[in-house]
């Protein structure tokens, strides 16, 4: 939503920057050019609100360790089935 705030008035920092660089383009024309991007941002926000699984798909893969697992019994090979012990303070 920050992207939407940067291309809409009254803040519209990105739009004002483009308008100051392109001296021959009026501010209204630059805002009209940013309108498709605003529509896309709002559409994606609406879509993720309806279906949060879209945004949670990759984090779900990492949580279930399917993405980074080398072998199914790697932890048992490394630690012989025992949990890691913490270091003792001296």
PDB file of N, CA and C in Angstrom:
ATOM      1  N   UNK A   1       0.819  -1.197   0.000  1.00  0.00           N
ATOM      2  CA  UNK A   1       0.000   0.000   0.000  1.00  0.00           C
ATOM      3  C   UNK A   1       0.861   1.258   0.000  1.00  0.00           C
ATOM      4  N   UNK A   2       2.136   1.132   0.373  1.00  0.00           N
ATOM      5  CA  UNK A   2       2.999   2.301   0.313  1.00  0.00           C
ATOM      6  C   UNK A   2       3.195   2.753  -1.124  1.00  0.00           C
ATOM      7  N   UNK A   3       3.234   1.789  -2.037  1.00  0.00           N
ATOM      8  CA  UNK A   3       3.363   2.140  -3.446  1.00  0.00           C
ATOM      9  C   UNK A   3       2.176   2.958  -3.927  1.00  0.00           C
ATOM     10  N   UNK A   4       0.997   2.625  -3.432  1.00  0.00           N
ATOM     11  CA  UNK A   4      -0.193   3.396  -3.786  1.00  0.00           C
ATOM     12  C   UNK A   4      -0.116   4.805  -3.210  1.00  0.00           C
ATOM     13  N   UNK A   5       0.449   4.935  -2.019  1.00  0.00           N
ATOM     14  CA  UNK A   5       0.581   6.251  -1.406  1.00  0.00           C
ATOM     15  C   UNK A   5       1.594   7.132  -2.110  1.00  0.00           C
ATOM     16  N   UNK A   6       2.574   6.499  -2.751  1.00  0.00           N
ATOM     17  CA  UNK A   6       3.594   7.284  -3.443  1.00  0.00           C
ATOM     18  C   UNK A   6       3.166   7.754  -4.827  1.00  0.00           C
ATOM     19  N   UNK A   7       2.060   7.213  -5.345  1.00  0.00           N
ATOM     20  CA  UNK A   7       1.613   7.658  -6.678  1.00  0.00           C
ATOM     21  C   UNK A   7       0.250   8.334  -6.648  1.00  0.00           C
ATOM     22  N   UNK A   8      -0.317   8.568  -5.478  1.00  0.00           N
ATOM     23  CA  UNK A   8      -1.610   9.247  -5.403  1.00  0.00           C
ATOM     24  C   UNK A   8      -1.472  10.565  -4.651  1.00  0.00           C
ATOM     25  N   UNK A   9      -2.307  11.544  -4.988  1.00  0.00           N
ATOM     26  CA  UNK A   9      -2.253  12.805  -4.246  1.00  0.00           C
ATOM     27  C   UNK A   9      -2.791  12.613  -2.835  1.00  0.00           C
ATOM     28  N   UNK A  10      -2.497  13.382  -1.869  1.00  0.00           N
ATOM     29  CA  UNK A  10      -1.703  14.595  -1.883  1.00  0.00           C
ATOM     30  C   UNK A  10      -0.203  14.351  -1.787  1.00  0.00           C
ATOM     31  N   UNK A  11       0.240  13.144  -1.385  1.00  0.00           N
ATOM     32  CA  UNK A  11       1.678  12.912  -1.264  1.00  0.00           C
ATOM     33  C   UNK A  11       2.275  12.751  -2.646  1.00  0.00           C
ATOM     34  N   UNK A  12       2.011  11.661  -3.326  1.00  0.00           N
ATOM     35  CA  UNK A  12       2.411  11.450  -4.709  1.00  0.00           C
ATOM     36  C   UNK A  12       3.856  11.796  -5.019  1.00  0.00           C
ATOM     37  N   UNK A  13       4.775  11.416  -4.139  1.00  0.00           N
ATOM     38  CA  UNK A  13       6.167  11.801  -4.272  1.00  0.00           C
ATOM     39  C   UNK A  13       6.757  11.368  -5.608  1.00  0.00           C
ATOM     40  N   UNK A  14       6.489  10.157  -6.031  1.00  0.00           N
ATOM     41  CA  UNK A  14       7.026   9.664  -7.306  1.00  0.00           C
ATOM     42  C   UNK A  14       6.465  10.450  -8.481  1.00  0.00           C
ATOM     43  N   UNK A  15       5.201  10.773  -8.421  1.00  0.00           N
ATOM     44  CA  UNK A  15       4.574  11.509  -9.522  1.00  0.00           C
ATOM     45  C   UNK A  15       5.119  12.930  -9.608  1.00  0.00           C
ATOM     46  N   UNK A  16       5.284  13.573  -8.465  1.00  0.00           N
ATOM     47  CA  UNK A  16       5.841  14.923  -8.476  1.00  0.00           C
ATOM     48  C   UNK A  16       7.287  14.922  -8.958  1.00  0.00           C
ATOM     49  N   UNK A  17       8.038  13.877  -8.646  1.00  0.00           N
ATOM     50  CA  UNK A  17       9.415  13.772  -9.125  1.00  0.00           C
ATOM     51  C   UNK A  17       9.455  13.621 -10.631  1.00  0.00           C
ATOM     52  N   UNK A  18       8.597  12.765 -11.178  1.00  0.00           N
ATOM     53  CA  UNK A  18       8.540  12.594 -12.633  1.00  0.00           C
ATOM     54  C   UNK A  18       8.105  13.889 -13.300  1.00  0.00           C
ATOM     55  N   UNK A  19       7.142  14.576 -12.717  1.00  0.00           N
ATOM     56  CA  UNK A  19       6.666  15.833 -13.301  1.00  0.00           C
ATOM     57  C   UNK A  19       7.746  16.906 -13.268  1.00  0.00           C
ATOM     58  N   UNK A  20       8.604  16.898 -12.257  1.00  0.00           N
ATOM     59  CA  UNK A  20       9.658  17.909 -12.212  1.00  0.00           C
ATOM     60  C   UNK A  20      10.790  17.588 -13.174  1.00  0.00           C
ATOM     61  N   UNK A  21      11.026  16.291 -13.431  1.00  0.00           N
ATOM     62  CA  UNK A  21      12.072  15.915 -14.391  1.00  0.00           C
ATOM     63  C   UNK A  21      11.598  16.149 -15.818  1.00  0.00           C
ATOM     64  N   UNK A  22      10.378  15.748 -16.109  1.00  0.00           N
ATOM     65  CA  UNK A  22       9.800  15.945 -17.450  1.00  0.00           C
ATOM     66  C   UNK A  22       9.050  17.277 -17.452  1.00  0.00           C
ATOM     67  N   UNK A  23       9.754  18.343 -17.767  1.00  0.00           N
ATOM     68  CA  UNK A  23       9.185  19.690 -17.682  1.00  0.00           C
ATOM     69  C   UNK A  23       8.017  19.907 -18.646  1.00  0.00           C
ATOM     70  N   UNK A  24       8.031  19.225 -19.785  1.00  0.00           N
ATOM     71  CA  UNK A  24       6.979  19.456 -20.779  1.00  0.00           C
ATOM     72  C   UNK A  24       5.687  18.701 -20.482  1.00  0.00           C
ATOM     73  N   UNK A  25       5.705  17.761 -19.533  1.00  0.00           N
ATOM     74  CA  UNK A  25       4.500  16.983 -19.198  1.00  0.00           C
ATOM     75  C   UNK A  25       3.769  17.647 -18.043  1.00  0.00           C
ATOM     76  N   UNK A  26       2.490  17.966 -18.229  1.00  0.00           N
ATOM     77  CA  UNK A  26       1.734  18.552 -17.119  1.00  0.00           C
ATOM     78  C   UNK A  26       1.480  17.507 -16.023  1.00  0.00           C
ATOM     79  N   UNK A  27       1.251  17.990 -14.822  1.00  0.00           N
ATOM     80  CA  UNK A  27       1.074  17.123 -13.661  1.00  0.00           C
ATOM     81  C   UNK A  27      -0.130  16.195 -13.829  1.00  0.00           C
ATOM     82  N   UNK A  28      -1.194  16.680 -14.431  1.00  0.00           N
ATOM     83  CA  UNK A  28      -2.389  15.851 -14.633  1.00  0.00           C
ATOM     84  C   UNK A  28      -2.093  14.659 -15.531  1.00  0.00           C
ATOM     85  N   UNK A  29      -1.262  14.881 -16.545  1.00  0.00           N
ATOM     86  CA  UNK A  29      -0.912  13.796 -17.469  1.00  0.00           C
ATOM     87  C   UNK A  29      -0.076  12.724 -16.751  1.00  0.00           C
ATOM     88  N   UNK A  30       0.797  13.146 -15.872  1.00  0.00           N
ATOM     89  CA  UNK A  30       1.611  12.192 -15.122  1.00  0.00           C
ATOM     90  C   UNK A  30       0.730  11.382 -14.175  1.00  0.00           C
ATOM     91  N   UNK A  31      -0.229  12.028 -13.526  1.00  0.00           N
ATOM     92  CA  UNK A  31      -1.160  11.294 -12.657  1.00  0.00           C
ATOM     93  C   UNK A  31      -2.009  10.314 -13.460  1.00  0.00           C
ATOM     94  N   UNK A  32      -2.421  10.688 -14.663  1.00  0.00           N
ATOM     95  CA  UNK A  32      -3.174   9.761 -15.520  1.00  0.00           C
ATOM     96  C   UNK A  32      -2.320   8.575 -15.928  1.00  0.00           C
ATOM     97  N   UNK A  33      -1.017   8.814 -16.144  1.00  0.00           N
ATOM     98  CA  UNK A  33      -0.103   7.716 -16.487  1.00  0.00           C
ATOM     99  C   UNK A  33       0.134   6.766 -15.331  1.00  0.00           C
ATOM    100  N   UNK A  34       0.007   7.259 -14.114  1.00  0.00           N
ATOM    101  CA  UNK A  34       0.195   6.412 -12.930  1.00  0.00           C
ATOM    102  C   UNK A  34      -1.061   5.636 -12.557  1.00  0.00           C
ATOM    103  N   UNK A  35      -2.181   5.979 -13.148  1.00  0.00           N
ATOM    104  CA  UNK A  35      -3.454   5.344 -12.811  1.00  0.00           C
ATOM    105  C   UNK A  35      -3.474   3.826 -13.047  1.00  0.00           C
ATOM    106  N   UNK A  36      -2.939   3.296 -14.157  1.00  0.00           N
ATOM    107  CA  UNK A  36      -2.940   1.827 -14.313  1.00  0.00           C
ATOM    108  C   UNK A  36      -2.155   1.114 -13.216  1.00  0.00           C
ATOM    109  N   UNK A  37      -1.072   1.741 -12.754  1.00  0.00           N
ATOM    110  CA  UNK A  37      -0.295   1.128 -11.678  1.00  0.00           C
ATOM    111  C   UNK A  37      -1.078   1.124 -10.374  1.00  0.00           C
ATOM    112  N   UNK A  38      -1.811   2.184 -10.119  1.00  0.00           N
ATOM    113  CA  UNK A  38      -2.649   2.247  -8.923  1.00  0.00           C
ATOM    114  C   UNK A  38      -3.743   1.182  -8.974  1.00  0.00           C
ATOM    115  N   UNK A  39      -4.340   1.004 -10.120  1.00  0.00           N
ATOM    116  CA  UNK A  39      -5.376  -0.022 -10.286  1.00  0.00           C
ATOM    117  C   UNK A  39      -4.782  -1.407 -10.048  1.00  0.00           C
ATOM    118  N   UNK A  40      -3.584  -1.656 -10.570  1.00  0.00           N
ATOM    119  CA  UNK A  40      -2.929  -2.960 -10.369  1.00  0.00           C
ATOM    120  C   UNK A  40      -2.613  -3.193  -8.896  1.00  0.00           C
ATOM    121  N   UNK A  41      -2.124  -2.165  -8.188  1.00  0.00           N
ATOM    122  CA  UNK A  41      -1.815  -2.296  -6.758  1.00  0.00           C
ATOM    123  C   UNK A  41      -3.075  -2.613  -5.963  1.00  0.00           C
ATOM    124  N   UNK A  42      -4.156  -1.914  -6.258  1.00  0.00           N
ATOM    125  CA  UNK A  42      -5.412  -2.153  -5.546  1.00  0.00           C
ATOM    126  C   UNK A  42      -5.993  -3.525  -5.855  1.00  0.00           C
ATOM    127  N   UNK A  43      -5.857  -3.964  -7.114  1.00  0.00           N
ATOM    128  CA  UNK A  43      -6.350  -5.284  -7.506  1.00  0.00           C
ATOM    129  C   UNK A  43      -5.588  -6.391  -6.774  1.00  0.00           C
ATOM    130  N   UNK A  44      -4.260  -6.290  -6.732  1.00  0.00           N
ATOM    131  CA  UNK A  44      -3.454  -7.303  -6.055  1.00  0.00           C
ATOM    132  C   UNK A  44      -3.734  -7.300  -4.552  1.00  0.00           C
ATOM    133  N   UNK A  45      -3.925  -6.117  -3.967  1.00  0.00           N
ATOM    134  CA  UNK A  45      -4.259  -6.029  -2.549  1.00  0.00           C
ATOM    135  C   UNK A  45      -5.598  -6.704  -2.279  1.00  0.00           C
ATOM    136  N   UNK A  46      -6.578  -6.462  -3.131  1.00  0.00           N
ATOM    137  CA  UNK A  46      -7.890  -7.093  -2.995  1.00  0.00           C
ATOM    138  C   UNK A  46      -7.787  -8.610  -3.155  1.00  0.00           C
ATOM    139  N   UNK A  47      -6.977  -9.052  -4.131  1.00  0.00           N
ATOM    140  CA  UNK A  47      -6.817 -10.480  -4.386  1.00  0.00           C
ATOM    141  C   UNK A  47      -6.145 -11.184  -3.217  1.00  0.00           C
ATOM    142  N   UNK A  48      -5.118 -10.577  -2.635  1.00  0.00           N
ATOM    143  CA  UNK A  48      -4.423 -11.183  -1.498  1.00  0.00           C
ATOM    144  C   UNK A  48      -5.312 -11.153  -0.251  1.00  0.00           C
ATOM    145  N   UNK A  49      -6.176 -10.153  -0.148  1.00  0.00           N
ATOM    146  CA  UNK A  49      -7.105 -10.111   0.977  1.00  0.00           C
ATOM    147  C   UNK A  49      -8.120 -11.253   0.884  1.00  0.00           C
ATOM    148  N   UNK A  50      -8.602 -11.528  -0.334  1.00  0.00           N
ATOM    149  CA  UNK A  50      -9.550 -12.622  -0.519  1.00  0.00           C
ATOM    150  C   UNK A  50      -8.899 -13.990  -0.385  1.00  0.00           C
ATOM    151  N   UNK A  51      -7.709 -14.141  -0.954  1.00  0.00           N
ATOM    152  CA  UNK A  51      -7.013 -15.424  -0.976  1.00  0.00           C
ATOM    153  C   UNK A  51      -5.612 -15.266  -0.382  1.00  0.00           C
ATOM    154  N   UNK A  52      -5.484 -15.275   0.938  1.00  0.00           N
ATOM    155  CA  UNK A  52      -4.162 -15.079   1.544  1.00  0.00           C
ATOM    156  C   UNK A  52      -3.193 -16.220   1.266  1.00  0.00           C
ATOM    157  N   UNK A  53      -3.684 -17.347   0.774  1.00  0.00           N
ATOM    158  CA  UNK A  53      -2.801 -18.464   0.445  1.00  0.00           C
ATOM    159  C   UNK A  53      -1.801 -18.083  -0.641  1.00  0.00           C
ATOM    160  N   UNK A  54      -2.153 -17.108  -1.475  1.00  0.00           N
ATOM    161  CA  UNK A  54      -1.249 -16.650  -2.525  1.00  0.00           C
ATOM    162  C   UNK A  54       0.031 -16.099  -1.907  1.00  0.00           C
ATOM    163  N   UNK A  55      -0.117 -15.277  -0.890  1.00  0.00           N
ATOM    164  CA  UNK A  55       1.045 -14.657  -0.256  1.00  0.00           C
ATOM    165  C   UNK A  55       1.745 -15.598   0.710  1.00  0.00           C
ATOM    166  N   UNK A  56       1.060 -16.631   1.188  1.00  0.00           N
ATOM    167  CA  UNK A  56       1.631 -17.514   2.197  1.00  0.00           C
ATOM    168  C   UNK A  56       2.165 -18.819   1.624  1.00  0.00           C
ATOM    169  N   UNK A  57       2.157 -18.948   0.304  1.00  0.00           N
ATOM    170  CA  UNK A  57       2.592 -20.201  -0.319  1.00  0.00           C
ATOM    171  C   UNK A  57       4.078 -20.465  -0.085  1.00  0.00           C
ATOM    172  N   UNK A  58       4.955 -19.538  -0.463  1.00  0.00           N
ATOM    173  CA  UNK A  58       6.393 -19.753  -0.289  1.00  0.00           C
ATOM    174  C   UNK A  58       6.812 -19.822   1.170  1.00  0.00           C
ATOM    175  N   UNK A  59       6.319 -18.944   2.054  1.00  0.00           N
ATOM    176  CA  UNK A  59       6.677 -19.125   3.463  1.00  0.00           C
ATOM    177  C   UNK A  59       6.209 -20.464   4.018  1.00  0.00           C
ATOM    178  N   UNK A  60       5.096 -20.975   3.526  1.00  0.00           N
ATOM    179  CA  UNK A  60       4.628 -22.287   3.951  1.00  0.00           C
ATOM    180  C   UNK A  60       5.567 -23.392   3.519  1.00  0.00           C
ATOM    181  N   UNK A  61       6.156 -23.248   2.337  1.00  0.00           N
ATOM    182  CA  UNK A  61       7.131 -24.232   1.894  1.00  0.00           C
ATOM    183  C   UNK A  61       8.364 -24.225   2.787  1.00  0.00           C
ATOM    184  N   UNK A  62       8.814 -23.053   3.152  1.00  0.00           N
ATOM    185  CA  UNK A  62      10.000 -22.951   3.997  1.00  0.00           C
ATOM    186  C   UNK A  62       9.710 -23.445   5.406  1.00  0.00           C
ATOM    187  N   UNK A  63       8.519 -23.207   5.913  1.00  0.00           N
ATOM    188  CA  UNK A  63       8.152 -23.655   7.250  1.00  0.00           C
ATOM    189  C   UNK A  63       8.103 -25.171   7.330  1.00  0.00           C
ATOM    190  N   UNK A  64       7.590 -25.795   6.293  1.00  0.00           N
ATOM    191  CA  UNK A  64       7.495 -27.255   6.279  1.00  0.00           C
ATOM    192  C   UNK A  64       8.808 -27.909   5.886  1.00  0.00           C
ATOM    193  N   UNK A  65       9.822 -27.110   5.575  1.00  0.00           N
ATOM    194  CA  UNK A  65      11.166 -27.583   5.259  1.00  0.00           C
ATOM    195  C   UNK A  65      11.184 -28.462   4.014  1.00  0.00           C
ATOM    196  N   UNK A  66      10.244 -28.286   3.125  1.00  0.00           N
ATOM    197  CA  UNK A  66      10.270 -29.033   1.872  1.00  0.00           C
ATOM    198  C   UNK A  66      11.217 -28.394   0.875  1.00  0.00           C
ATOM    199  N   UNK A  67      11.445 -27.105   1.005  1.00  0.00           N
ATOM    200  CA  UNK A  67      12.246 -26.387   0.030  1.00  0.00           C
ATOM    201  C   UNK A  67      13.736 -26.598   0.247  1.00  0.00           C
ATOM    202  N   UNK A  68      14.174 -26.687   1.494  1.00  0.00           N
ATOM    203  CA  UNK A  68      15.597 -26.739   1.785  1.00  0.00           C
ATOM    204  C   UNK A  68      16.069 -28.064   2.372  1.00  0.00           C
ATOM    205  N   UNK A  69      15.257 -29.104   2.331  1.00  0.00           N
ATOM    206  CA  UNK A  69      15.680 -30.360   2.937  1.00  0.00           C
ATOM    207  C   UNK A  69      16.584 -31.118   1.976  1.00  0.00           C
ATOM    208  N   UNK A  70      17.658 -31.697   2.517  1.00  0.00           N
ATOM    209  CA  UNK A  70      18.590 -32.487   1.711  1.00  0.00           C
ATOM    210  C   UNK A  70      18.168 -33.951   1.693  1.00  0.00           C
ATOM    211  N   UNK A  71      17.862 -34.452   2.863  1.00  0.00           N
ATOM    212  CA  UNK A  71      17.361 -35.818   2.960  1.00  0.00           C
ATOM    213  C   UNK A  71      16.387 -35.883   4.122  1.00  0.00           C
ATOM    214  N   UNK A  72      15.573 -36.905   4.115  1.00  0.00           N
ATOM    215  CA  UNK A  72      14.540 -36.995   5.146  1.00  0.00           C
ATOM    216  C   UNK A  72      15.114 -37.298   6.517  1.00  0.00           C
ATOM    217  N   UNK A  73      16.232 -38.012   6.574  1.00  0.00           N
ATOM    218  CA  UNK A  73      16.780 -38.382   7.872  1.00  0.00           C
ATOM    219  C   UNK A  73      18.113 -37.664   8.144  1.00  0.00           C
ATOM    220  N   UNK A  74      18.280 -36.478   7.611  1.00  0.00           N
ATOM    221  CA  UNK A  74      19.515 -35.734   7.794  1.00  0.00           C
ATOM    222  C   UNK A  74      19.764 -35.401   9.258  1.00  0.00           C
ATOM    223  N   UNK A  75      18.724 -34.952   9.956  1.00  0.00           N
ATOM    224  CA  UNK A  75      18.916 -34.596  11.361  1.00  0.00           C
ATOM    225  C   UNK A  75      19.252 -35.814  12.209  1.00  0.00           C
ATOM    226  N   UNK A  76      18.678 -36.961  11.887  1.00  0.00           N
ATOM    227  CA  UNK A  76      19.002 -38.146  12.672  1.00  0.00           C
ATOM    228  C   UNK A  76      20.424 -38.622  12.384  1.00  0.00           C
ATOM    229  N   UNK A  77      20.921 -38.398  11.164  1.00  0.00           N
ATOM    230  CA  UNK A  77      22.294 -38.759  10.855  1.00  0.00           C
ATOM    231  C   UNK A  77      23.280 -37.842  11.565  1.00  0.00           C
ATOM    232  N   UNK A  78      22.963 -36.565  11.646  1.00  0.00           N
ATOM    233  CA  UNK A  78      23.878 -35.611  12.241  1.00  0.00           C
ATOM    234  C   UNK A  78      23.885 -35.690  13.755  1.00  0.00           C
ATOM    235  N   UNK A  79      22.740 -35.836  14.358  1.00  0.00           N
ATOM    236  CA  UNK A  79      22.640 -35.740  15.804  1.00  0.00           C
ATOM    237  C   UNK A  79      22.264 -37.064  16.467  1.00  0.00           C
ATOM    238  N   UNK A  80      22.260 -38.157  15.712  1.00  0.00           N
ATOM    239  CA  UNK A  80      21.928 -39.487  16.223  1.00  0.00           C
ATOM    240  C   UNK A  80      20.590 -39.512  16.941  1.00  0.00           C
ATOM    241  N   UNK A  81      19.650 -38.746  16.477  1.00  0.00           N
ATOM    242  CA  UNK A  81      18.323 -38.742  17.054  1.00  0.00           C
ATOM    243  C   UNK A  81      18.214 -37.977  18.355  1.00  0.00           C
ATOM    244  N   UNK A  82      19.296 -37.389  18.829  1.00  0.00           N
ATOM    245  CA  UNK A  82      19.268 -36.636  20.082  1.00  0.00           C
ATOM    246  C   UNK A  82      19.148 -35.150  19.773  1.00  0.00           C
ATOM    247  N   UNK A  83      18.483 -34.403  20.612  1.00  0.00           N
ATOM    248  CA  UNK A  83      18.423 -32.959  20.387  1.00  0.00           C
ATOM    249  C   UNK A  83      19.781 -32.322  20.666  1.00  0.00           C
ATOM    250  N   UNK A  84      19.988 -31.164  20.117  1.00  0.00           N
ATOM    251  CA  UNK A  84      21.229 -30.439  20.353  1.00  0.00           C
ATOM    252  C   UNK A  84      21.326 -30.015  21.802  1.00  0.00           C
ATOM    253  N   UNK A  85      22.520 -30.063  22.356  1.00  0.00           N
ATOM    254  CA  UNK A  85      22.729 -29.618  23.726  1.00  0.00           C
ATOM    255  C   UNK A  85      23.304 -28.218  23.696  1.00  0.00           C
ATOM    256  N   UNK A  86      22.911 -27.444  24.654  1.00  0.00           N
ATOM    257  CA  UNK A  86      23.462 -26.100  24.738  1.00  0.00           C
ATOM    258  C   UNK A  86      24.829 -26.139  25.406  1.00  0.00           C
ATOM    259  N   UNK A  87      25.644 -25.157  25.088  1.00  0.00           N
ATOM    260  CA  UNK A  87      26.978 -25.090  25.670  1.00  0.00           C
ATOM    261  C   UNK A  87      26.884 -24.682  27.133  1.00  0.00           C
ATOM    262  N   UNK A  88      27.731 -25.279  27.954  1.00  0.00           N
ATOM    263  CA  UNK A  88      27.761 -24.941  29.373  1.00  0.00           C
ATOM    264  C   UNK A  88      28.619 -23.705  29.578  1.00  0.00           C
ATOM    265  N   UNK A  89      28.168 -22.831  30.458  1.00  0.00           N
ATOM    266  CA  UNK A  89      28.949 -21.658  30.784  1.00  0.00           C
ATOM    267  C   UNK A  89      30.046 -22.043  31.754  1.00  0.00           C
ATOM    268  N   UNK A  90      31.209 -21.466  31.595  1.00  0.00           N
ATOM    269  CA  UNK A  90      32.331 -21.775  32.485  1.00  0.00           C
ATOM    270  C   UNK A  90      32.413 -20.794  33.608  1.00  0.00           C
TER     271      UNK A  90
END
